[in-house]
Amino acid sequence: MGKMAEEPLDITYEDLREYLHVNHSVYMVVGDKTYYLTDVNSHYWRAQDTSQLNEKNHYVDCSDLVPTISELCVIPFIDGRTIQEAFDDATLYASVKGEKQ
C-alpha cells in the first residue's frame, strides 16, 4: 500500500483496467470519499475505504474480493454505484511508494 500521489492521473474509464494490470493499485476520489482499488497478490481485486482502518492500521475492504478487474468495476460499493457509474465524478491518483495517505 502506497500513499496517494499529489497530481491526478489523466486516464479514461477504458484505460483503467490496463492501468490497474500494470500498476496494481490506484486511489479513486468520489466526492468526499477516497477508495483504494488494489489487487491481492495479483490474484484477486478489491476496493478499500481509506477513511476506515482495521486493527493492523490497514484500509478496510468495502467490496468483495473478485478475480477480475472487470468484476470489480461492476460492484456497487460507491454509495450504491459502480466504478463505471461513478467514473465521470471521480478523480484518480497513482499510489506511490511511502507511507499511506
N, C-alpha and C. Protein backbone atom coordinates (compact mmCIF):
# COMPACT_ATOMS: atom_id res chain seq x y z
N MET A 1 0.86 -1.17 0.00
CA MET A 1 0.00 0.00 0.00
C MET A 1 0.90 1.23 0.00
N GLY A 2 0.61 2.10 -0.92
CA GLY A 2 1.39 3.33 -1.01
C GLY A 2 0.55 4.52 -0.61
N LYS A 3 1.13 5.68 -0.75
CA LYS A 3 0.36 6.90 -0.46
C LYS A 3 -0.17 7.48 -1.76
N MET A 4 -1.15 8.34 -1.64
CA MET A 4 -1.78 8.94 -2.80
C MET A 4 -0.89 10.03 -3.37
N ALA A 5 -0.63 9.95 -4.68
CA ALA A 5 0.16 10.98 -5.36
C ALA A 5 -0.56 12.32 -5.27
N GLU A 6 0.18 13.39 -5.41
CA GLU A 6 -0.42 14.73 -5.35
C GLU A 6 -1.12 15.11 -6.65
N GLU A 7 -0.58 14.68 -7.77
CA GLU A 7 -1.14 15.04 -9.08
C GLU A 7 -2.12 13.97 -9.55
N PRO A 8 -3.28 14.37 -10.04
CA PRO A 8 -4.25 13.39 -10.54
C PRO A 8 -3.77 12.75 -11.84
N LEU A 9 -4.26 11.54 -12.08
CA LEU A 9 -3.98 10.85 -13.33
C LEU A 9 -4.93 11.34 -14.42
N ASP A 10 -4.49 11.27 -15.64
CA ASP A 10 -5.33 11.63 -16.77
C ASP A 10 -5.61 10.35 -17.55
N ILE A 11 -6.55 9.54 -17.04
CA ILE A 11 -6.91 8.30 -17.72
C ILE A 11 -8.42 8.22 -17.85
N THR A 12 -8.85 7.47 -18.86
CA THR A 12 -10.27 7.27 -19.09
C THR A 12 -10.71 5.97 -18.43
N TYR A 13 -12.01 5.78 -18.38
CA TYR A 13 -12.54 4.53 -17.85
C TYR A 13 -11.99 3.35 -18.66
N GLU A 14 -11.89 3.51 -19.96
CA GLU A 14 -11.38 2.44 -20.82
C GLU A 14 -9.91 2.13 -20.51
N ASP A 15 -9.16 3.12 -20.03
CA ASP A 15 -7.74 2.92 -19.69
C ASP A 15 -7.55 2.31 -18.30
N LEU A 16 -8.58 2.37 -17.47
CA LEU A 16 -8.42 1.97 -16.06
C LEU A 16 -8.00 0.52 -15.91
N ARG A 17 -8.59 -0.39 -16.62
CA ARG A 17 -8.24 -1.82 -16.48
C ARG A 17 -6.75 -2.05 -16.78
N GLU A 18 -6.28 -1.49 -17.88
CA GLU A 18 -4.88 -1.65 -18.23
C GLU A 18 -3.97 -1.00 -17.19
N TYR A 19 -4.36 0.18 -16.72
CA TYR A 19 -3.58 0.86 -15.68
C TYR A 19 -3.45 -0.03 -14.44
N LEU A 20 -4.56 -0.63 -14.02
CA LEU A 20 -4.51 -1.49 -12.84
C LEU A 20 -3.70 -2.75 -13.09
N HIS A 21 -3.79 -3.33 -14.28
CA HIS A 21 -2.97 -4.51 -14.59
C HIS A 21 -1.49 -4.20 -14.46
N VAL A 22 -1.10 -3.03 -14.92
CA VAL A 22 0.32 -2.64 -14.91
C VAL A 22 0.77 -2.16 -13.53
N ASN A 23 -0.07 -1.35 -12.86
CA ASN A 23 0.36 -0.68 -11.63
C ASN A 23 -0.18 -1.30 -10.35
N HIS A 24 -1.17 -2.17 -10.44
CA HIS A 24 -1.70 -2.95 -9.32
C HIS A 24 -2.57 -2.19 -8.33
N SER A 25 -2.62 -0.85 -8.42
CA SER A 25 -3.47 -0.11 -7.48
C SER A 25 -3.65 1.33 -7.96
N VAL A 26 -4.70 1.96 -7.44
CA VAL A 26 -4.98 3.36 -7.75
C VAL A 26 -5.90 3.90 -6.65
N TYR A 27 -5.76 5.18 -6.35
CA TYR A 27 -6.70 5.85 -5.46
C TYR A 27 -7.79 6.48 -6.31
N MET A 28 -9.03 6.38 -5.84
CA MET A 28 -10.17 6.93 -6.55
C MET A 28 -10.96 7.81 -5.59
N VAL A 29 -11.02 9.11 -5.89
CA VAL A 29 -11.74 10.06 -5.05
C VAL A 29 -13.08 10.37 -5.72
N VAL A 30 -14.15 10.13 -4.98
CA VAL A 30 -15.50 10.43 -5.46
C VAL A 30 -16.17 11.27 -4.38
N GLY A 31 -16.41 12.54 -4.68
CA GLY A 31 -16.96 13.45 -3.67
C GLY A 31 -15.97 13.59 -2.53
N ASP A 32 -16.44 13.33 -1.31
CA ASP A 32 -15.56 13.44 -0.14
C ASP A 32 -15.02 12.09 0.32
N LYS A 33 -15.16 11.06 -0.50
CA LYS A 33 -14.68 9.72 -0.15
C LYS A 33 -13.53 9.30 -1.05
N THR A 34 -12.57 8.60 -0.44
CA THR A 34 -11.43 8.10 -1.18
C THR A 34 -11.38 6.59 -1.05
N TYR A 35 -11.26 5.93 -2.19
CA TYR A 35 -11.18 4.47 -2.24
C TYR A 35 -9.82 4.08 -2.78
N TYR A 36 -9.34 2.93 -2.31
CA TYR A 36 -8.08 2.37 -2.79
C TYR A 36 -8.44 1.10 -3.54
N LEU A 37 -8.24 1.08 -4.85
CA LEU A 37 -8.51 -0.08 -5.68
C LEU A 37 -7.20 -0.83 -5.84
N THR A 38 -7.19 -2.10 -5.47
CA THR A 38 -5.91 -2.81 -5.44
C THR A 38 -6.08 -4.30 -5.65
N ASP A 39 -4.99 -4.93 -6.04
CA ASP A 39 -5.00 -6.38 -6.17
C ASP A 39 -4.51 -7.03 -4.88
N VAL A 40 -4.77 -8.31 -4.78
CA VAL A 40 -4.31 -9.11 -3.65
C VAL A 40 -3.41 -10.19 -4.25
N ASN A 41 -2.12 -9.98 -4.15
CA ASN A 41 -1.15 -10.92 -4.71
C ASN A 41 -1.40 -11.24 -6.17
N SER A 42 -1.87 -10.26 -6.93
CA SER A 42 -2.14 -10.39 -8.36
C SER A 42 -3.19 -11.44 -8.72
N HIS A 43 -3.95 -11.92 -7.72
CA HIS A 43 -4.95 -12.96 -7.99
C HIS A 43 -6.38 -12.48 -7.81
N TYR A 44 -6.60 -11.52 -6.96
CA TYR A 44 -7.94 -11.01 -6.69
C TYR A 44 -7.88 -9.49 -6.61
N TRP A 45 -9.04 -8.87 -6.74
CA TRP A 45 -9.14 -7.41 -6.71
C TRP A 45 -10.16 -6.99 -5.67
N ARG A 46 -9.97 -5.80 -5.10
CA ARG A 46 -10.89 -5.29 -4.09
C ARG A 46 -10.81 -3.77 -4.04
N ALA A 47 -11.84 -3.19 -3.44
CA ALA A 47 -11.85 -1.76 -3.14
C ALA A 47 -11.80 -1.61 -1.63
N GLN A 48 -11.07 -0.61 -1.17
CA GLN A 48 -10.96 -0.35 0.26
C GLN A 48 -11.34 1.10 0.56
N ASP A 49 -11.95 1.29 1.71
CA ASP A 49 -12.36 2.61 2.18
C ASP A 49 -11.19 3.19 2.97
N THR A 50 -10.61 4.30 2.49
CA THR A 50 -9.43 4.85 3.15
C THR A 50 -9.75 5.62 4.43
N SER A 51 -11.04 5.83 4.70
CA SER A 51 -11.41 6.55 5.93
C SER A 51 -11.53 5.62 7.12
N GLN A 52 -11.41 4.31 6.88
CA GLN A 52 -11.53 3.34 7.95
C GLN A 52 -10.28 2.46 7.99
N LEU A 53 -9.76 2.27 9.18
CA LEU A 53 -8.59 1.42 9.36
C LEU A 53 -8.94 0.26 10.29
N ASN A 54 -8.34 -0.90 10.02
CA ASN A 54 -8.55 -2.05 10.91
C ASN A 54 -7.49 -2.06 12.01
N GLU A 55 -7.48 -3.12 12.79
CA GLU A 55 -6.55 -3.21 13.92
C GLU A 55 -5.09 -3.26 13.50
N LYS A 56 -4.83 -3.60 12.24
CA LYS A 56 -3.46 -3.62 11.72
C LYS A 56 -3.10 -2.31 11.03
N ASN A 57 -3.98 -1.31 11.15
CA ASN A 57 -3.79 0.00 10.54
C ASN A 57 -3.80 -0.05 9.01
N HIS A 58 -4.58 -1.01 8.46
CA HIS A 58 -4.78 -1.14 7.03
C HIS A 58 -6.19 -0.66 6.68
N TYR A 59 -6.36 -0.22 5.45
CA TYR A 59 -7.69 0.19 5.00
C TYR A 59 -8.67 -0.98 5.09
N VAL A 60 -9.93 -0.66 5.31
CA VAL A 60 -10.98 -1.66 5.44
C VAL A 60 -11.61 -1.91 4.07
N ASP A 61 -11.82 -3.18 3.74
CA ASP A 61 -12.45 -3.54 2.48
C ASP A 61 -13.88 -3.02 2.43
N CYS A 62 -14.28 -2.50 1.27
CA CYS A 62 -15.67 -2.07 1.08
C CYS A 62 -16.30 -2.78 -0.12
N SER A 63 -15.58 -3.75 -0.67
CA SER A 63 -16.12 -4.59 -1.74
C SER A 63 -15.72 -6.03 -1.45
N ASP A 64 -16.37 -6.94 -2.13
CA ASP A 64 -15.95 -8.33 -2.09
C ASP A 64 -14.65 -8.48 -2.85
N LEU A 65 -13.92 -9.55 -2.56
CA LEU A 65 -12.76 -9.92 -3.37
C LEU A 65 -13.29 -10.58 -4.64
N VAL A 66 -12.79 -10.16 -5.78
CA VAL A 66 -13.23 -10.73 -7.05
C VAL A 66 -12.01 -11.07 -7.90
N PRO A 67 -12.13 -12.06 -8.79
CA PRO A 67 -10.95 -12.50 -9.55
C PRO A 67 -10.54 -11.61 -10.71
N THR A 68 -11.39 -10.67 -11.14
CA THR A 68 -11.02 -9.84 -12.29
C THR A 68 -11.32 -8.36 -12.03
N ILE A 69 -10.59 -7.52 -12.74
CA ILE A 69 -10.85 -6.08 -12.66
C ILE A 69 -12.23 -5.77 -13.22
N SER A 70 -12.62 -6.47 -14.27
CA SER A 70 -13.95 -6.25 -14.85
C SER A 70 -15.05 -6.46 -13.82
N GLU A 71 -14.90 -7.48 -12.98
CA GLU A 71 -15.90 -7.73 -11.93
C GLU A 71 -15.86 -6.62 -10.87
N LEU A 72 -14.66 -6.15 -10.52
CA LEU A 72 -14.55 -5.06 -9.56
C LEU A 72 -15.28 -3.82 -10.06
N CYS A 73 -15.22 -3.57 -11.35
CA CYS A 73 -15.82 -2.36 -11.93
C CYS A 73 -17.34 -2.35 -11.88
N VAL A 74 -17.97 -3.49 -11.60
CA VAL A 74 -19.44 -3.54 -11.59
C VAL A 74 -20.02 -3.87 -10.21
N ILE A 75 -19.21 -3.76 -9.16
CA ILE A 75 -19.71 -3.93 -7.79
C ILE A 75 -20.16 -2.56 -7.29
N PRO A 76 -21.39 -2.44 -6.80
CA PRO A 76 -21.90 -1.12 -6.36
C PRO A 76 -21.48 -0.74 -4.94
N PHE A 77 -20.19 -0.45 -4.75
CA PHE A 77 -19.68 -0.10 -3.42
C PHE A 77 -19.56 1.40 -3.19
N ILE A 78 -19.81 2.22 -4.21
CA ILE A 78 -19.66 3.68 -4.10
C ILE A 78 -21.04 4.29 -3.89
N ASP A 79 -21.53 4.24 -2.66
CA ASP A 79 -22.88 4.73 -2.35
C ASP A 79 -23.90 4.16 -3.33
N GLY A 80 -23.81 2.86 -3.58
CA GLY A 80 -24.75 2.18 -4.46
C GLY A 80 -24.40 2.24 -5.93
N ARG A 81 -23.29 2.90 -6.27
CA ARG A 81 -22.86 2.99 -7.66
C ARG A 81 -21.60 2.15 -7.89
N THR A 82 -21.42 1.75 -9.13
CA THR A 82 -20.23 1.01 -9.53
C THR A 82 -19.12 1.98 -9.95
N ILE A 83 -17.93 1.47 -10.15
CA ILE A 83 -16.83 2.29 -10.67
C ILE A 83 -17.24 2.87 -12.02
N GLN A 84 -17.84 2.05 -12.85
CA GLN A 84 -18.26 2.52 -14.17
C GLN A 84 -19.26 3.67 -14.05
N GLU A 85 -20.22 3.54 -13.14
CA GLU A 85 -21.24 4.58 -12.98
C GLU A 85 -20.68 5.86 -12.35
N ALA A 86 -19.71 5.72 -11.47
CA ALA A 86 -19.17 6.88 -10.74
C ALA A 86 -17.95 7.49 -11.41
N PHE A 87 -17.44 6.88 -12.47
CA PHE A 87 -16.16 7.29 -13.02
C PHE A 87 -16.12 8.76 -13.44
N ASP A 88 -17.17 9.25 -14.05
CA ASP A 88 -17.16 10.65 -14.51
C ASP A 88 -17.11 11.65 -13.35
N ASP A 89 -17.50 11.22 -12.15
CA ASP A 89 -17.44 12.07 -10.96
C ASP A 89 -16.16 11.85 -10.15
N ALA A 90 -15.29 10.98 -10.64
CA ALA A 90 -14.11 10.56 -9.87
C ALA A 90 -12.84 11.24 -10.37
N THR A 91 -11.88 11.34 -9.46
CA THR A 91 -10.52 11.74 -9.78
C THR A 91 -9.62 10.61 -9.32
N LEU A 92 -8.73 10.16 -10.18
CA LEU A 92 -7.83 9.06 -9.85
C LEU A 92 -6.42 9.57 -9.61
N TYR A 93 -5.75 8.92 -8.67
CA TYR A 93 -4.38 9.27 -8.30
C TYR A 93 -3.55 8.00 -8.22
N ALA A 94 -2.32 8.08 -8.64
CA ALA A 94 -1.40 6.96 -8.51
C ALA A 94 -1.15 6.67 -7.04
N SER A 95 -0.81 5.43 -6.77
CA SER A 95 -0.34 5.02 -5.46
C SER A 95 1.18 4.99 -5.53
N VAL A 96 1.83 5.81 -4.74
CA VAL A 96 3.29 5.92 -4.79
C VAL A 96 3.90 5.32 -3.53
N LYS A 97 5.12 4.88 -3.66
CA LYS A 97 5.81 4.26 -2.53
C LYS A 97 5.94 5.24 -1.36
N GLY A 98 5.84 4.71 -0.18
CA GLY A 98 5.97 5.54 1.01
C GLY A 98 4.86 5.25 1.99
N GLU A 99 4.71 6.11 2.96
CA GLU A 99 3.65 5.97 3.95
C GLU A 99 2.29 6.11 3.30
N LYS A 100 1.30 5.39 3.85
CA LYS A 100 -0.03 5.54 3.30
C LYS A 100 -0.58 6.91 3.62
N GLN A 101 -1.60 7.28 2.91
CA GLN A 101 -2.21 8.62 2.95
C GLN A 101 -2.47 9.13 4.34
